[in-house]
Amino acid sequence: MSILVLNTGSSTLKFALFDELAHEQLARGVIDWQSQPDKVTLELQTQAVSQTRSRSDISNNSDAVKWILHVLADTNLGESIRAVGHRIVHGGTNFCQPTLINEQVLKSLEQVSELAPLHNPPALITIKAAQNILPEATHVAVFDTAFFADLPPSAYVYPIPYKWYEQYGIRRFGFHGISHEYCSTRAAEVLGRQNDDSLRLVICHLGNGCSATAVHGGRPLATTMGFTPLEGLMMGTRSGSIDPGILIYLMTQQGFDPERLDQSLNHQSGLLGVSGISSDFRQIEQASQTNNERAQLAMKMFIERIQSTIGSLAVLVGGIDGLVFTAGIGEHSPKLRSCVCDKLPFLGLKLDEVKNQSAHADCDLATIQSAGRILLIQTREEQMIARETERLFELSQSR
């Protein structure tokens, strides 16, 4: 018996297989639509093997789920999956806790899909594909927005007509909550400050999607993503926060309709839009080293927005005991970490470049003299999802 986790991102589908109690990870991997221009890659790691496969006929998440289960079966790990946990980015106001998936839940999720167009639609495709292949398994939705359900009103109410909040439900939801919650807990463990209500963290989840969160004593006080995952930091293909007047101008003076704005801001902006090269930070970093001016501009904008966000969040929590880098870029780009930290000594954060260049998961990268710690935490969203899935599975069996 085992638990499968499917973590649908904006450019990847991560997966992991755990034992029936969600204690031991049996396998993990990722399907990546970005790493090669004409092929989709699948990386798999088990206790016995590590392999990479590629195919050119995987065009959507339904095909990807079939491929994952086929690869797991090839390694004798795909049998007896009793539960499947799914990461859902946007739960709206209806879902603040992990939930057993049924037809009503799927309908509710479809209704909020337009608020997370890069994530919820492919996640729903993933769920339906997994349900078709594994109809006897219990399927559980775990929400990225749940960690931020208790944000203070000053953090989730926008400075717009209050009736918009009352009538239309427009408020900050926050995203990447599964990752931020895990990193908050793990950072406290690394620092030896579990259950410390005074611990002040700024967590930077930097991947194709990017967000930052201020956490005080394990509770989020502010986060950069908002009503949708479009707000906040500059990202791979998303603009992040911009002047809303730009949108009014484009609609009234340049003839943009909502669909064109949506496509431009969600799919053609960010690193891709500025560099004209790619949404993949690895390619931007390489191009900037060859003096590509637009790649250099994209990197500079990306870094400066992270720096200013760290500063504002640190002020909000009254200082910073730990800065956390996590997710694909945060974990794997020493250059990015170095550039971001270059202007942070005024916050008492000093990066040790030797440690930074040889960094490994869950380590402290700060100098001995640094007043605050700089941590690289390998986010384990799949572990969090597996634990919640196991908990709900047991509850469902006891009824």
Protein backbone atom coordinates (compact mmCIF):
# COMPACT_ATOMS: atom_id res chain seq x y z
CA MET A 1 0.00 0.00 0.00
CA SER A 2 1.28 3.47 -0.85
CA ILE A 3 0.34 7.14 -1.24
CA LEU A 4 0.96 9.00 -4.50
CA VAL A 5 1.35 12.78 -4.53
CA LEU A 6 0.82 14.82 -7.70
CA ASN A 7 2.02 18.43 -7.47
CA THR A 8 0.90 20.39 -10.51
CA GLY A 9 2.93 23.54 -11.13
CA SER A 10 2.82 26.11 -13.89
CA SER A 11 5.58 24.40 -15.91
CA THR A 12 6.14 21.07 -14.13
CA LEU A 13 4.31 18.10 -12.67
CA LYS A 14 6.15 16.83 -9.61
CA PHE A 15 5.30 13.47 -8.12
CA ALA A 16 6.29 11.40 -5.14
CA LEU A 17 5.39 8.01 -3.75
CA PHE A 18 5.28 7.37 0.00
CA ASP A 19 4.66 4.38 2.22
CA GLU A 20 1.14 3.95 3.62
CA LEU A 21 1.89 6.07 6.71
CA ALA A 22 3.51 8.89 4.68
CA HIS A 23 6.76 8.43 6.63
CA GLU A 24 9.11 7.06 3.99
CA GLN A 25 9.54 8.43 0.49
CA LEU A 26 9.82 5.53 -1.94
CA ALA A 27 10.26 7.55 -5.12
CA ARG A 28 10.14 11.09 -6.37
CA GLY A 29 10.41 12.82 -9.68
CA VAL A 30 9.33 15.59 -11.96
CA ILE A 31 8.02 16.01 -15.46
CA ASP A 32 9.43 19.24 -16.91
CA TRP A 33 8.11 20.96 -20.01
CA GLN A 34 10.90 23.56 -19.99
CA SER A 35 14.24 21.78 -19.69
CA GLN A 36 14.43 20.77 -23.38
CA PRO A 37 12.92 22.76 -26.26
CA ASP A 38 11.34 19.90 -28.22
CA LYS A 39 10.97 17.20 -25.58
CA VAL A 40 9.42 16.65 -22.19
CA THR A 41 11.72 15.15 -19.58
CA LEU A 42 10.89 12.88 -16.66
CA GLU A 43 13.37 12.57 -13.83
CA LEU A 44 12.89 9.70 -11.38
CA GLN A 45 14.75 8.90 -8.19
CA THR A 46 14.10 5.84 -6.07
CA GLN A 47 16.10 4.15 -3.36
CA ALA A 48 17.64 1.93 -6.05
CA VAL A 49 17.84 3.98 -9.25
CA SER A 50 18.10 7.48 -10.65
CA GLN A 51 17.11 8.01 -14.26
CA THR A 52 15.99 10.60 -16.80
CA ARG A 53 13.66 9.84 -19.69
CA SER A 54 12.34 12.07 -22.44
CA ARG A 55 9.43 11.95 -24.86
CA SER A 56 8.01 14.28 -27.47
CA ASP A 57 4.38 13.12 -27.27
CA ILE A 58 3.48 14.33 -23.76
CA SER A 59 1.40 17.42 -24.47
CA ASN A 60 -0.75 17.73 -21.36
CA ASN A 61 -1.12 16.68 -17.74
CA SER A 62 -3.38 13.76 -18.56
CA ASP A 63 -0.65 12.19 -20.70
CA ALA A 64 1.86 13.03 -17.97
CA VAL A 65 -0.10 11.16 -15.28
CA LYS A 66 -0.24 8.06 -17.47
CA TRP A 67 3.50 8.31 -18.05
CA ILE A 68 4.24 8.65 -14.33
CA LEU A 69 2.19 5.58 -13.43
CA HIS A 70 3.78 3.62 -16.28
CA VAL A 71 7.29 4.51 -15.08
CA LEU A 72 6.41 3.63 -11.47
CA ALA A 73 5.04 0.28 -12.65
CA ASP A 74 8.30 -0.35 -14.53
CA THR A 75 10.15 0.00 -11.23
CA ASN A 76 7.64 -2.22 -9.38
CA LEU A 77 6.35 0.72 -7.34
CA GLY A 78 3.04 1.51 -9.00
CA GLU A 79 0.91 -1.17 -7.39
CA SER A 80 -1.50 -0.81 -4.47
CA ILE A 81 -1.78 2.98 -4.45
CA ARG A 82 -4.51 3.53 -1.87
CA ALA A 83 -4.63 7.33 -1.88
CA VAL A 84 -3.60 10.22 -4.12
CA GLY A 85 -2.87 13.71 -2.81
CA HIS A 86 -3.22 16.63 -5.19
CA ARG A 87 -1.81 20.13 -4.77
CA ILE A 88 -4.43 22.74 -5.65
CA VAL A 89 -3.20 26.31 -5.91
CA HIS A 90 -6.47 28.22 -5.44
CA GLY A 91 -9.17 27.04 -3.06
CA GLY A 92 -11.05 30.33 -2.97
CA THR A 93 -13.06 31.02 0.19
CA ASN A 94 -14.66 27.58 0.21
CA PHE A 95 -11.58 25.50 1.01
CA CYS A 96 -9.36 26.35 3.96
CA GLN A 97 -8.47 22.76 4.84
CA PRO A 98 -7.48 19.59 2.93
CA THR A 99 -10.59 18.03 1.41
CA LEU A 100 -11.73 14.68 0.01
CA ILE A 101 -12.39 15.13 -3.70
CA ASN A 102 -15.86 14.45 -5.05
CA GLU A 103 -17.93 15.85 -7.92
CA GLN A 104 -19.10 18.85 -5.90
CA VAL A 105 -15.53 19.72 -4.94
CA LEU A 106 -14.46 19.52 -8.59
CA LYS A 107 -17.30 21.85 -9.61
CA SER A 108 -16.31 24.36 -6.92
CA LEU A 109 -12.68 24.26 -8.05
CA GLU A 110 -13.69 24.84 -11.65
CA GLN A 111 -15.52 27.98 -10.56
CA VAL A 112 -12.32 29.54 -9.16
CA SER A 113 -10.05 28.30 -11.95
CA GLU A 114 -10.05 31.69 -13.66
CA LEU A 115 -8.31 33.11 -10.58
CA ALA A 116 -5.35 30.76 -11.09
CA PRO A 117 -5.33 30.11 -14.84
CA LEU A 118 -1.80 28.67 -14.96
CA HIS A 119 -2.42 26.19 -12.14
CA ASN A 120 -6.01 25.16 -11.39
CA PRO A 121 -6.99 24.06 -14.92
CA PRO A 122 -4.00 21.69 -15.34
CA ALA A 123 -4.49 20.49 -11.74
CA LEU A 124 -8.09 19.57 -12.54
CA ILE A 125 -6.89 17.68 -15.62
CA THR A 126 -4.39 15.87 -13.38
CA ILE A 127 -7.11 14.95 -10.86
CA LYS A 128 -9.49 13.60 -13.49
CA ALA A 129 -6.74 11.59 -15.18
CA ALA A 130 -5.67 10.08 -11.84
CA GLN A 131 -9.28 9.28 -10.93
CA ASN A 132 -9.76 7.49 -14.25
CA ILE A 133 -6.60 5.42 -13.83
CA LEU A 134 -6.98 4.86 -10.07
CA PRO A 135 -10.76 4.86 -9.46
CA GLU A 136 -10.53 2.84 -6.25
CA ALA A 137 -8.06 5.21 -4.59
CA THR A 138 -9.07 8.03 -2.26
CA HIS A 139 -8.25 11.40 -3.81
CA VAL A 140 -7.48 14.40 -1.59
CA ALA A 141 -7.05 18.08 -2.44
CA VAL A 142 -4.48 20.05 -0.42
CA PHE A 143 -4.63 23.81 -0.94
CA ASP A 144 -1.85 26.35 -1.38
CA THR A 145 -4.12 29.05 0.02
CA ALA A 146 -4.85 27.27 3.34
CA PHE A 147 -1.71 28.48 5.19
CA PHE A 148 -2.85 32.06 4.65
CA ALA A 149 -6.42 31.61 5.83
CA ASP A 150 -5.59 33.43 9.10
CA LEU A 151 -3.79 36.44 7.64
CA PRO A 152 -4.72 39.62 9.55
CA PRO A 153 -7.31 41.84 7.83
CA SER A 154 -4.67 44.53 7.28
CA ALA A 155 -2.83 42.00 5.09
CA TYR A 156 -5.74 40.54 3.12
CA VAL A 157 -8.02 43.57 2.56
CA TYR A 158 -7.05 45.70 -0.45
CA PRO A 159 -7.15 49.54 -0.39
CA ILE A 160 -10.11 49.59 -2.81
CA PRO A 161 -13.84 50.15 -2.16
CA TYR A 162 -14.60 47.89 0.81
CA LYS A 163 -17.82 46.73 -0.84
CA TRP A 164 -15.69 44.92 -3.43
CA TYR A 165 -14.53 42.67 -0.61
CA GLU A 166 -18.07 42.28 0.74
CA GLN A 167 -19.86 41.80 -2.57
CA TYR A 168 -17.26 40.14 -4.79
CA GLY A 169 -14.96 38.45 -2.27
CA ILE A 170 -11.91 40.33 -3.56
CA ARG A 171 -9.15 39.82 -1.01
CA ARG A 172 -5.60 38.55 -0.76
CA PHE A 173 -5.51 34.74 -0.63
CA GLY A 174 -1.77 34.06 -0.91
CA PHE A 175 -0.21 31.06 -2.64
CA HIS A 176 2.68 28.60 -2.31
CA GLY A 177 1.30 28.10 1.18
CA ILE A 178 2.25 24.43 1.38
CA SER A 179 5.87 25.35 0.64
CA HIS A 180 5.92 28.35 2.98
CA GLU A 181 4.42 26.31 5.83
CA TYR A 182 6.95 23.51 5.38
CA CYS A 183 9.89 25.94 5.15
CA SER A 184 8.72 27.81 8.24
CA THR A 185 8.64 24.58 10.26
CA ARG A 186 11.92 23.28 8.83
CA ALA A 187 13.74 26.59 9.34
CA ALA A 188 12.73 26.58 13.01
CA GLU A 189 14.16 23.06 13.29
CA VAL A 190 17.45 24.00 11.60
CA LEU A 191 17.79 27.03 13.90
CA GLY A 192 16.83 25.04 17.00
CA ARG A 193 13.88 27.38 17.65
CA GLN A 194 10.82 25.13 17.38
CA ASN A 195 7.71 26.54 19.07
CA ASP A 196 9.44 29.93 19.39
CA ASP A 197 6.76 32.60 19.08
CA SER A 198 9.38 35.28 18.54
CA LEU A 199 11.08 33.72 15.48
CA ARG A 200 11.01 36.13 12.52
CA LEU A 201 11.42 34.65 9.06
CA VAL A 202 11.24 35.91 5.50
CA ILE A 203 10.75 33.01 3.11
CA CYS A 204 11.48 33.42 -0.61
CA HIS A 205 9.91 30.72 -2.78
CA LEU A 206 11.63 31.32 -6.12
CA GLY A 207 10.72 29.10 -9.03
CA ASN A 208 8.80 29.68 -12.25
CA GLY A 209 6.30 31.19 -9.87
CA CYS A 210 7.72 33.38 -7.09
CA SER A 211 6.42 34.58 -3.75
CA ALA A 212 7.74 35.82 -0.43
CA THR A 213 6.16 35.58 3.01
CA ALA A 214 6.83 37.14 6.40
CA VAL A 215 6.31 34.58 9.19
CA HIS A 216 6.31 35.47 12.89
CA GLY A 217 6.24 32.61 15.36
CA GLY A 218 5.06 30.17 12.70
CA ARG A 219 2.15 32.35 11.54
CA PRO A 220 2.14 34.30 8.26
CA LEU A 221 1.76 38.06 8.63
CA ALA A 222 2.05 39.05 4.98
CA THR A 223 2.66 37.46 1.60
CA THR A 224 3.25 38.84 -1.88
CA MET A 225 0.80 36.88 -4.03
CA GLY A 226 -2.74 38.13 -3.76
CA PHE A 227 -6.24 37.58 -5.12
CA THR A 228 -4.52 35.58 -7.85
CA PRO A 229 -0.98 34.19 -8.28
CA LEU A 230 -0.26 37.10 -10.63
CA GLU A 231 0.54 39.65 -7.91
CA GLY A 232 3.87 40.19 -6.21
CA LEU A 233 7.36 39.34 -7.42
CA MET A 234 8.44 39.19 -11.05
CA MET A 235 8.19 35.57 -12.25
CA GLY A 236 8.94 33.32 -15.20
CA THR A 237 6.05 34.40 -17.43
CA ARG A 238 4.01 36.51 -14.99
CA SER A 239 4.51 40.22 -14.50
CA GLY A 240 4.01 40.35 -10.77
CA SER A 241 2.80 43.70 -9.39
CA ILE A 242 2.52 46.57 -11.87
CA ASP A 243 0.70 49.90 -11.99
CA PRO A 244 -3.02 49.11 -12.53
CA GLY A 245 -3.23 52.30 -14.59
CA ILE A 246 -1.28 50.48 -17.31
CA LEU A 247 -4.20 48.08 -17.75
CA ILE A 248 -6.72 50.93 -17.94
CA TYR A 249 -4.58 52.63 -20.56
CA LEU A 250 -4.18 49.48 -22.65
CA MET A 251 -7.93 48.80 -22.59
CA THR A 252 -9.12 52.36 -23.26
CA GLN A 253 -6.38 53.61 -25.57
CA GLN A 254 -4.86 50.55 -27.24
CA GLY A 255 -7.89 48.29 -27.66
CA PHE A 256 -6.79 45.44 -25.41
CA ASP A 257 -9.59 43.14 -24.31
CA PRO A 258 -9.52 41.07 -21.08
CA GLU A 259 -8.36 37.93 -22.88
CA ARG A 260 -5.38 39.70 -24.43
CA LEU A 261 -4.44 41.23 -21.08
CA ASP A 262 -4.70 37.83 -19.40
CA GLN A 263 -2.49 36.20 -22.02
CA SER A 264 0.05 39.02 -21.88
CA LEU A 265 0.34 39.26 -18.09
CA ASN A 266 0.23 35.54 -17.28
CA HIS A 267 2.07 34.02 -20.23
CA GLN A 268 4.20 36.68 -21.96
CA SER A 269 5.62 38.79 -19.14
CA GLY A 270 8.19 38.37 -16.36
CA LEU A 271 11.60 36.99 -17.27
CA LEU A 272 10.32 35.87 -20.67
CA GLY A 273 8.75 39.20 -21.52
CA VAL A 274 11.74 41.32 -20.57
CA SER A 275 14.51 39.05 -21.87
CA GLY A 276 12.78 37.83 -25.01
CA ILE A 277 14.69 34.58 -24.50
CA SER A 278 12.97 32.27 -22.05
CA SER A 279 11.05 31.99 -18.80
CA ASP A 280 13.69 29.56 -17.54
CA PHE A 281 16.03 31.38 -15.16
CA ARG A 282 18.88 29.03 -16.07
CA GLN A 283 18.80 30.27 -19.65
CA ILE A 284 18.51 33.90 -18.56
CA GLU A 285 21.54 33.48 -16.30
CA GLN A 286 23.57 31.93 -19.12
CA ALA A 287 22.59 34.64 -21.60
CA SER A 288 23.44 37.41 -19.13
CA GLN A 289 26.96 36.00 -18.84
CA THR A 290 27.40 36.49 -22.60
CA ASN A 291 26.51 40.20 -22.24
CA ASN A 292 22.99 39.88 -23.59
CA GLU A 293 21.62 43.24 -22.46
CA ARG A 294 17.98 42.23 -22.17
CA ALA A 295 18.88 39.10 -20.20
CA GLN A 296 20.98 41.28 -17.89
CA LEU A 297 18.08 43.69 -17.51
CA ALA A 298 15.69 40.84 -16.70
CA MET A 299 18.06 39.51 -14.05
CA LYS A 300 18.59 42.94 -12.51
CA MET A 301 14.83 43.59 -12.31
CA PHE A 302 14.20 40.14 -10.88
CA ILE A 303 16.86 40.54 -8.20
CA GLU A 304 15.96 44.10 -7.23
CA ARG A 305 12.31 43.18 -6.73
CA ILE A 306 13.32 40.32 -4.44
CA GLN A 307 15.63 42.62 -2.48
CA SER A 308 13.01 45.32 -1.98
CA THR A 309 10.43 42.74 -0.94
CA ILE A 310 12.76 41.21 1.65
CA GLY A 311 13.34 44.68 3.07
CA SER A 312 9.65 45.54 3.33
CA LEU A 313 8.74 42.19 4.91
CA ALA A 314 11.61 42.46 7.40
CA VAL A 315 10.30 45.86 8.50
CA LEU A 316 6.82 44.41 8.93
CA VAL A 317 8.00 41.73 11.39
CA GLY A 318 10.42 44.10 13.14
CA GLY A 319 13.65 42.50 11.99
CA ILE A 320 14.76 39.19 10.57
CA ASP A 321 16.18 36.14 12.32
CA GLY A 322 16.27 33.98 9.20
CA LEU A 323 16.06 34.49 5.44
CA VAL A 324 15.02 31.35 3.57
CA PHE A 325 15.69 30.56 -0.09
CA THR A 326 13.66 27.69 -1.54
CA ALA A 327 12.17 26.22 -4.75
CA GLY A 328 13.89 25.71 -8.11
CA ILE A 329 15.77 29.00 -8.46
CA GLY A 330 16.20 29.66 -4.76
CA GLU A 331 17.70 26.22 -4.15
CA HIS A 332 19.83 25.86 -7.27
CA SER A 333 21.22 29.28 -8.24
CA PRO A 334 24.21 30.40 -6.14
CA LYS A 335 24.45 33.46 -8.40
CA LEU A 336 20.91 34.53 -7.56
CA ARG A 337 21.45 34.09 -3.82
CA SER A 338 24.71 36.03 -3.97
CA CYS A 339 23.20 38.93 -5.89
CA VAL A 340 20.14 39.15 -3.64
CA CYS A 341 22.21 39.08 -0.44
CA ASP A 342 24.68 41.65 -1.72
CA LYS A 343 22.56 44.53 -0.40
CA LEU A 344 21.28 42.90 2.79
CA PRO A 345 24.11 43.50 5.32
CA PHE A 346 22.11 46.48 6.66
CA LEU A 347 19.57 43.88 7.87
CA GLY A 348 22.33 41.96 9.62
CA LEU A 349 22.48 39.32 6.86
CA LYS A 350 25.93 38.38 5.54
CA LEU A 351 26.35 35.55 3.04
CA ASP A 352 29.34 33.21 3.19
CA GLU A 353 30.28 32.78 -0.48
CA VAL A 354 32.21 29.57 0.11
CA LYS A 355 29.18 27.97 1.74
CA ASN A 356 26.93 29.43 -0.94
CA GLN A 357 28.86 27.85 -3.81
CA SER A 358 28.85 24.40 -2.21
CA ALA A 359 25.39 24.58 -0.68
CA HIS A 360 23.29 21.52 0.07
CA ALA A 361 19.73 21.08 1.25
CA ASP A 362 18.73 22.52 4.63
CA CYS A 363 21.93 24.38 5.45
CA ASP A 364 22.98 27.75 6.86
CA LEU A 365 24.80 29.95 4.33
CA ALA A 366 25.49 32.92 6.59
CA THR A 367 28.86 33.95 7.94
CA ILE A 368 29.66 33.42 11.60
CA GLN A 369 29.43 37.20 12.11
CA SER A 370 25.98 37.46 10.50
CA ALA A 371 23.32 38.55 13.01
CA GLY A 372 20.61 36.78 11.02
CA ARG A 373 20.86 33.40 9.37
CA ILE A 374 20.55 32.72 5.63
CA LEU A 375 19.06 29.29 5.01
CA LEU A 376 18.71 27.11 1.94
CA ILE A 377 15.70 24.88 2.59
CA GLN A 378 14.68 22.18 0.13
CA THR A 379 10.95 22.59 -0.03
CA ARG A 380 9.09 19.35 0.45
CA GLU A 381 5.57 20.15 -0.61
CA GLU A 382 5.00 16.52 -1.50
CA GLN A 383 5.79 15.40 2.06
CA MET A 384 3.24 17.86 3.47
CA ILE A 385 0.63 16.76 0.94
CA ALA A 386 1.26 13.07 1.71
CA ARG A 387 0.79 13.61 5.45
CA GLU A 388 -2.52 15.40 4.96
CA THR A 389 -3.65 12.78 2.46
CA GLU A 390 -2.87 9.96 4.89
CA ARG A 391 -4.76 11.79 7.66
CA LEU A 392 -7.89 12.25 5.57
CA PHE A 393 -7.70 8.71 4.23
CA GLU A 394 -7.72 7.33 7.77
CA LEU A 395 -10.62 9.57 8.74
CA SER A 396 -12.60 8.45 5.71
CA GLN A 397 -12.01 4.79 6.55
CA SER A 398 -13.16 5.22 10.15
CA ARG A 399 -16.54 6.67 9.24
